[in-house]
Structure formats: C-alpha cells, structure tokens
C-alpha cells in the first residue's frame, strides 16, 4: 500500500459513513413529519364534515315548530356516517330556546363537534 498523498482529493470511508448516518436521520425525521401531517389532515377533514352535519341539524330544527327535549338522527357526508343529537331547552326568557347539537362518528362515543344556537318562540 502506498502512503496517502496530501494532494489526493475525495472522502474517506468514515466520512462517507458519517454523512450517510446524518442523511438517514434526516429522512427518518421527514418521514415522521409527513405521516403526522397526513393524520392531521384526516382529523381536520372529519371535523369539517361533522360541522356540516351539525349545521344541517340546526337548520332542520329551525324549520320545525319548537319541540322541547332531545332528538337523535344520522347523516352521511362524503361516505362517512355521523350521529347527531339535537337538544332543545327553555331559557330564562320565555321567548327564547336553546338548541344544542352534538355530533359524533357512528360507533364512537366521543363528540367531534358541538354547536349551540338560540331560537325564538313561535
């Protein structure tokens, strides 16, 4: 073997392996960030669809005469099934009622979106 000349250009094996190690950590971090971003988009999409279901339930409740108590229903948005509960109750003012809507995904107990509205007596 010959001694290495100071004018030789290039990288040693150790330098190349160290660079590959740093590069692999960067790729692992970026892959993890991409996965979390995709999960966040899914959650936001589901909340948006549940918000549409809640808004629809509020509009439906305003189209009918006031009925105190709770009513349950189901709605599908973009192929996803949601269950909602509309609760109408009296307020301190006899001319107004509260309308609360809670929406959850079919098969789950956790409420995804809730809305509160007021309506006048008819």
Protein backbone atom coordinates (compact mmCIF):
# COMPACT_ATOMS: atom_id res chain seq x y z
CA UNK A 1 0.00 0.00 0.00
CA UNK A 2 1.15 3.47 -0.68
CA UNK A 3 1.01 6.41 1.68
CA UNK A 4 -1.75 8.87 1.02
CA UNK A 5 -0.62 11.95 -0.83
CA UNK A 6 -1.79 15.28 0.60
CA UNK A 7 -2.90 16.31 -2.87
CA UNK A 8 -5.38 13.39 -3.12
CA UNK A 9 -8.96 14.52 -3.34
CA UNK A 10 -12.00 12.67 -2.05
CA UNK A 11 -13.56 11.37 1.13
CA UNK A 12 -12.55 8.60 3.45
CA UNK A 13 -14.85 5.71 4.18
CA UNK A 14 -15.51 7.05 7.69
CA UNK A 15 -16.55 10.44 6.30
CA UNK A 16 -18.92 8.82 3.81
CA UNK A 17 -20.49 6.63 6.52
CA UNK A 18 -20.91 9.62 8.82
CA UNK A 19 -22.64 11.57 6.03
CA UNK A 20 -24.96 8.62 5.33
CA UNK A 21 -25.82 8.40 9.02
CA UNK A 22 -26.75 12.09 9.17
CA UNK A 23 -28.75 11.78 5.93
CA UNK A 24 -30.67 8.74 7.23
CA UNK A 25 -31.66 10.59 10.44
CA UNK A 26 -32.93 13.49 8.32
CA UNK A 27 -35.00 11.17 6.13
CA UNK A 28 -36.49 9.41 9.16
CA UNK A 29 -37.48 12.78 10.65
CA UNK A 30 -39.07 13.98 7.40
CA UNK A 31 -41.00 10.72 7.01
CA UNK A 32 -42.36 11.05 10.54
CA UNK A 33 -43.38 14.67 9.91
CA UNK A 34 -45.16 13.65 6.70
CA UNK A 35 -47.09 10.92 8.49
CA UNK A 36 -48.22 13.32 11.22
CA UNK A 37 -49.28 15.84 8.60
CA UNK A 38 -51.41 13.24 6.81
CA UNK A 39 -53.08 12.28 10.11
CA UNK A 40 -53.81 15.93 10.89
CA UNK A 41 -55.47 16.38 7.50
CA UNK A 42 -57.70 13.39 8.20
CA UNK A 43 -58.76 14.79 11.58
CA UNK A 44 -59.47 18.23 10.14
CA UNK A 45 -61.50 16.70 7.31
CA UNK A 46 -63.59 14.70 9.77
CA UNK A 47 -64.22 17.76 11.95
CA UNK A 48 -65.24 19.78 8.90
CA UNK A 49 -67.73 17.13 7.82
CA UNK A 50 -69.09 16.84 11.37
CA UNK A 51 -69.51 20.64 11.38
CA UNK A 52 -71.62 20.38 8.23
CA UNK A 53 -73.77 17.72 9.91
CA UNK A 54 -74.22 19.97 12.97
CA UNK A 55 -75.16 22.97 10.83
CA UNK A 56 -77.65 20.86 8.86
CA UNK A 57 -79.23 19.62 12.11
CA UNK A 58 -79.60 23.21 13.35
CA UNK A 59 -81.29 24.27 10.11
CA UNK A 60 -83.65 21.28 10.26
CA UNK A 61 -84.58 22.12 13.85
CA UNK A 62 -85.40 25.71 12.87
CA UNK A 63 -87.71 24.52 10.11
CA UNK A 64 -89.98 22.71 12.60
CA UNK A 65 -92.05 24.01 15.48
CA UNK A 66 -90.25 24.13 18.84
CA UNK A 67 -90.18 20.72 20.49
CA UNK A 68 -88.51 20.51 23.91
CA UNK A 69 -86.24 17.56 24.62
CA UNK A 70 -83.71 15.58 22.61
CA UNK A 71 -83.92 14.16 19.13
CA UNK A 72 -81.36 11.88 17.54
CA UNK A 73 -80.54 11.44 13.91
CA UNK A 74 -77.99 10.14 11.46
CA UNK A 75 -76.41 11.67 8.39
CA UNK A 76 -73.78 10.64 5.89
CA UNK A 77 -71.30 13.14 4.48
CA UNK A 78 -68.82 12.04 1.80
CA UNK A 79 -69.26 8.40 2.70
CA UNK A 80 -68.73 8.91 6.45
CA UNK A 81 -71.56 8.15 8.86
CA UNK A 82 -72.29 10.54 11.73
CA UNK A 83 -74.84 10.51 14.55
CA UNK A 84 -76.17 13.74 15.99
CA UNK A 85 -78.29 14.77 18.96
CA UNK A 86 -80.36 17.96 18.98
CA UNK A 87 -81.44 19.13 22.44
CA UNK A 88 -83.93 21.98 22.75
CA UNK A 89 -84.46 23.58 26.16
CA UNK A 90 -86.08 26.64 27.70
CA UNK A 91 -84.08 29.70 28.67
CA UNK A 92 -84.79 32.25 31.38
CA UNK A 93 -86.55 34.34 28.75
CA UNK A 94 -89.84 32.65 27.78
CA UNK A 95 -89.44 33.98 24.22
CA UNK A 96 -86.20 32.08 23.52
CA UNK A 97 -85.00 28.48 23.50
CA UNK A 98 -81.50 26.99 23.33
CA UNK A 99 -80.73 24.44 20.67
CA UNK A 100 -77.62 22.31 21.30
CA UNK A 101 -76.29 19.93 18.67
CA UNK A 102 -73.57 17.36 19.27
CA UNK A 103 -72.13 15.20 16.51
CA UNK A 104 -70.12 12.03 16.84
CA UNK A 105 -68.87 9.42 14.44
CA UNK A 106 -71.08 6.37 14.14
CA UNK A 107 -69.83 3.73 16.56
CA UNK A 108 -67.86 6.12 18.78
CA UNK A 109 -68.93 7.97 21.93
CA UNK A 110 -66.58 10.95 21.62
CA UNK A 111 -68.27 14.15 20.44
CA UNK A 112 -66.42 15.59 17.46
CA UNK A 113 -68.31 18.88 17.07
CA UNK A 114 -70.93 20.70 19.10
CA UNK A 115 -72.93 23.79 18.24
CA UNK A 116 -75.20 25.98 20.35
CA UNK A 117 -77.87 28.22 18.96
CA UNK A 118 -80.88 30.16 20.16
CA UNK A 119 -84.28 30.41 18.58
CA UNK A 120 -87.36 32.42 19.26
CA UNK A 121 -90.69 31.03 20.39
CA UNK A 122 -93.25 30.53 17.63
